[in-house]
Amino acid sequence: MYAVIEVGAKQYSVKKEDIIDVERLTADKGKEISLGKVLLISGDKKLEVGQPYLKEAKVKALVVGHLRGEKTVAFKYRRRKASHTSKGHRQELTRLKIKEITAG
């Protein structure tokens, strides 16, 4: 059984016991949260698709911890102008472990 969920502005395909990194959530480490934006659930020979979300479908996840992603560098260079800028960014992430998928 797997589900497609929406967390923040991104979609993730998850199964039970999967570990995913999502954009930072406000939940504390060790807390169990419920994700309600479920787009699709596939079970034993059954596929349910929401329009856009499935009613009463939930995915329960455990907050494993908070971390920061890899550093990305934005570098702008202007030739023959003696001008360049460099900016770095590290995204704040939350690591989730999927505990249960319920169709409702």
C-alpha atoms as a PDB file:
ATOM      1  CA  MET A   1       0.000   0.000   0.000  1.00  0.00           C
ATOM      2  CA  TYR A   2       1.307   3.440  -0.896  1.00  0.00           C
ATOM      3  CA  ALA A   3       0.004   7.000  -0.928  1.00  0.00           C
ATOM      4  CA  VAL A   4       0.839  10.299  -2.581  1.00  0.00           C
ATOM      5  CA  ILE A   5       0.777  13.150  -0.070  1.00  0.00           C
ATOM      6  CA  GLU A   6       1.317  16.890  -0.284  1.00  0.00           C
ATOM      7  CA  VAL A   7       3.508  18.580   2.325  1.00  0.00           C
ATOM      8  CA  GLY A   8       4.279  22.240   1.780  1.00  0.00           C
ATOM      9  CA  ALA A   9       4.469  22.805  -1.966  1.00  0.00           C
ATOM     10  CA  LYS A  10       5.802  19.340  -2.830  1.00  0.00           C
ATOM     11  CA  GLN A  11       4.303  15.893  -3.368  1.00  0.00           C
ATOM     12  CA  TYR A  12       5.781  12.664  -2.022  1.00  0.00           C
ATOM     13  CA  SER A  13       5.039   9.001  -2.767  1.00  0.00           C
ATOM     14  CA  VAL A  14       5.224   7.148   0.558  1.00  0.00           C
ATOM     15  CA  LYS A  15       4.829   3.623   1.938  1.00  0.00           C
ATOM     16  CA  LYS A  16       4.693   2.413   5.523  1.00  0.00           C
ATOM     17  CA  GLU A  17       8.082   2.730   7.323  1.00  0.00           C
ATOM     18  CA  ASP A  18       9.474   5.163   4.685  1.00  0.00           C
ATOM     19  CA  ILE A  19      11.675   8.019   5.885  1.00  0.00           C
ATOM     20  CA  ILE A  20      11.310  11.305   3.989  1.00  0.00           C
ATOM     21  CA  ASP A  21      12.740  14.809   4.337  1.00  0.00           C
ATOM     22  CA  VAL A  22      10.150  17.583   3.937  1.00  0.00           C
ATOM     23  CA  GLU A  23      10.271  21.354   4.336  1.00  0.00           C
ATOM     24  CA  ARG A  24      10.476  22.441   7.984  1.00  0.00           C
ATOM     25  CA  LEU A  25       7.355  21.725  10.051  1.00  0.00           C
ATOM     26  CA  THR A  26       6.586  23.249  13.448  1.00  0.00           C
ATOM     27  CA  ALA A  27       6.099  19.876  15.209  1.00  0.00           C
ATOM     28  CA  ASP A  28       8.562  18.880  17.933  1.00  0.00           C
ATOM     29  CA  LYS A  29      10.942  15.949  17.668  1.00  0.00           C
ATOM     30  CA  GLY A  30       9.328  12.681  18.785  1.00  0.00           C
ATOM     31  CA  LYS A  31       5.746  13.851  18.174  1.00  0.00           C
ATOM     32  CA  GLU A  32       3.323  11.991  15.927  1.00  0.00           C
ATOM     33  CA  ILE A  33       1.580  14.134  13.314  1.00  0.00           C
ATOM     34  CA  SER A  34      -1.277  13.494  10.910  1.00  0.00           C
ATOM     35  CA  LEU A  35      -0.960  14.570   7.283  1.00  0.00           C
ATOM     36  CA  GLY A  36      -4.384  15.209   5.748  1.00  0.00           C
ATOM     37  CA  LYS A  37      -3.518  16.293   2.223  1.00  0.00           C
ATOM     38  CA  VAL A  38      -3.650  12.843   0.608  1.00  0.00           C
ATOM     39  CA  LEU A  39      -3.910  12.916  -3.183  1.00  0.00           C
ATOM     40  CA  LEU A  40      -3.929   9.182  -3.942  1.00  0.00           C
ATOM     41  CA  ILE A  41      -4.037   5.857  -2.133  1.00  0.00           C
ATOM     42  CA  SER A  42      -3.272   2.517  -3.765  1.00  0.00           C
ATOM     43  CA  GLY A  43      -4.072  -0.671  -1.884  1.00  0.00           C
ATOM     44  CA  ASP A  44      -4.661  -4.323  -2.759  1.00  0.00           C
ATOM     45  CA  LYS A  45      -6.050  -4.039  -6.317  1.00  0.00           C
ATOM     46  CA  LYS A  46      -7.780  -0.749  -5.437  1.00  0.00           C
ATOM     47  CA  LEU A  47      -6.801   2.785  -6.432  1.00  0.00           C
ATOM     48  CA  GLU A  48      -8.465   5.885  -4.972  1.00  0.00           C
ATOM     49  CA  VAL A  49      -7.765   9.309  -6.470  1.00  0.00           C
ATOM     50  CA  GLY A  50      -8.888  12.554  -4.838  1.00  0.00           C
ATOM     51  CA  GLN A  51     -10.120  15.691  -6.538  1.00  0.00           C
ATOM     52  CA  PRO A  52      -7.810  17.226  -5.356  1.00  0.00           C
ATOM     53  CA  TYR A  53      -7.685  15.481  -1.938  1.00  0.00           C
ATOM     54  CA  LEU A  54      -9.273  12.347  -0.526  1.00  0.00           C
ATOM     55  CA  LYS A  55     -11.798  12.962   2.244  1.00  0.00           C
ATOM     56  CA  GLU A  56     -11.064  11.241   5.569  1.00  0.00           C
ATOM     57  CA  ALA A  57      -7.761   9.784   4.304  1.00  0.00           C
ATOM     58  CA  LYS A  58      -4.835  10.289   6.669  1.00  0.00           C
ATOM     59  CA  VAL A  59      -1.155   9.471   6.825  1.00  0.00           C
ATOM     60  CA  LYS A  60       0.353   9.318  10.310  1.00  0.00           C
ATOM     61  CA  ALA A  61       4.034  10.121  10.642  1.00  0.00           C
ATOM     62  CA  LEU A  62       6.577  10.418  13.435  1.00  0.00           C
ATOM     63  CA  VAL A  63       8.901  13.437  13.537  1.00  0.00           C
ATOM     64  CA  VAL A  64      12.392  11.899  13.706  1.00  0.00           C
ATOM     65  CA  GLY A  65      14.226  15.224  13.820  1.00  0.00           C
ATOM     66  CA  HIS A  66      15.068  18.561  12.223  1.00  0.00           C
ATOM     67  CA  LEU A  67      18.054  19.110   9.962  1.00  0.00           C
ATOM     68  CA  ARG A  68      19.451  21.306   7.219  1.00  0.00           C
ATOM     69  CA  GLY A  69      19.851  20.242   3.603  1.00  0.00           C
ATOM     70  CA  GLU A  70      22.884  20.499   1.368  1.00  0.00           C
ATOM     71  CA  LYS A  71      24.225  23.929   0.562  1.00  0.00           C
ATOM     72  CA  THR A  72      23.284  25.325  -2.837  1.00  0.00           C
ATOM     73  CA  VAL A  73      25.262  28.204  -4.317  1.00  0.00           C
ATOM     74  CA  ALA A  74      23.870  30.896  -6.608  1.00  0.00           C
ATOM     75  CA  PHE A  75      26.743  32.571  -8.451  1.00  0.00           C
ATOM     76  CA  LYS A  76      26.226  35.538 -10.771  1.00  0.00           C
ATOM     77  CA  TYR A  77      29.125  36.735 -12.929  1.00  0.00           C
ATOM     78  CA  ARG A  78      29.198  39.738 -15.227  1.00  0.00           C
ATOM     79  CA  ARG A  79      31.998  39.487 -17.771  1.00  0.00           C
ATOM     80  CA  ARG A  80      34.316  42.436 -18.280  1.00  0.00           C
ATOM     81  CA  LYS A  81      32.613  44.362 -15.454  1.00  0.00           C
ATOM     82  CA  ALA A  82      34.723  43.165 -12.509  1.00  0.00           C
ATOM     83  CA  SER A  83      31.481  42.247 -10.796  1.00  0.00           C
ATOM     84  CA  HIS A  84      30.302  38.965  -9.341  1.00  0.00           C
ATOM     85  CA  THR A  85      28.099  37.862  -6.452  1.00  0.00           C
ATOM     86  CA  SER A  86      27.849  34.567  -4.621  1.00  0.00           C
ATOM     87  CA  LYS A  87      25.023  33.527  -2.294  1.00  0.00           C
ATOM     88  CA  GLY A  88      24.568  30.270  -0.441  1.00  0.00           C
ATOM     89  CA  HIS A  89      21.414  28.670   0.912  1.00  0.00           C
ATOM     90  CA  ARG A  90      20.654  25.666   3.125  1.00  0.00           C
ATOM     91  CA  GLN A  91      17.014  24.567   3.348  1.00  0.00           C
ATOM     92  CA  GLU A  92      15.577  23.796   6.782  1.00  0.00           C
ATOM     93  CA  LEU A  93      14.129  20.248   6.718  1.00  0.00           C
ATOM     94  CA  THR A  94      12.110  17.907   8.920  1.00  0.00           C
ATOM     95  CA  ARG A  95      12.692  14.154   8.751  1.00  0.00           C
ATOM     96  CA  LEU A  96       9.492  12.079   8.972  1.00  0.00           C
ATOM     97  CA  LYS A  97       8.967   8.337   9.384  1.00  0.00           C
ATOM     98  CA  ILE A  98       5.644   7.111   7.969  1.00  0.00           C
ATOM     99  CA  LYS A  99       3.772   5.026  10.532  1.00  0.00           C
ATOM    100  CA  GLU A 100       0.326   4.360   9.064  1.00  0.00           C
ATOM    101  CA  ILE A 101      -1.762   5.017   5.947  1.00  0.00           C
ATOM    102  CA  THR A 102      -5.547   4.977   6.380  1.00  0.00           C
ATOM    103  CA  ALA A 103      -8.101   5.368   3.607  1.00  0.00           C
ATOM    104  CA  GLY A 104     -10.864   6.486   5.963  1.00  0.00           C
END
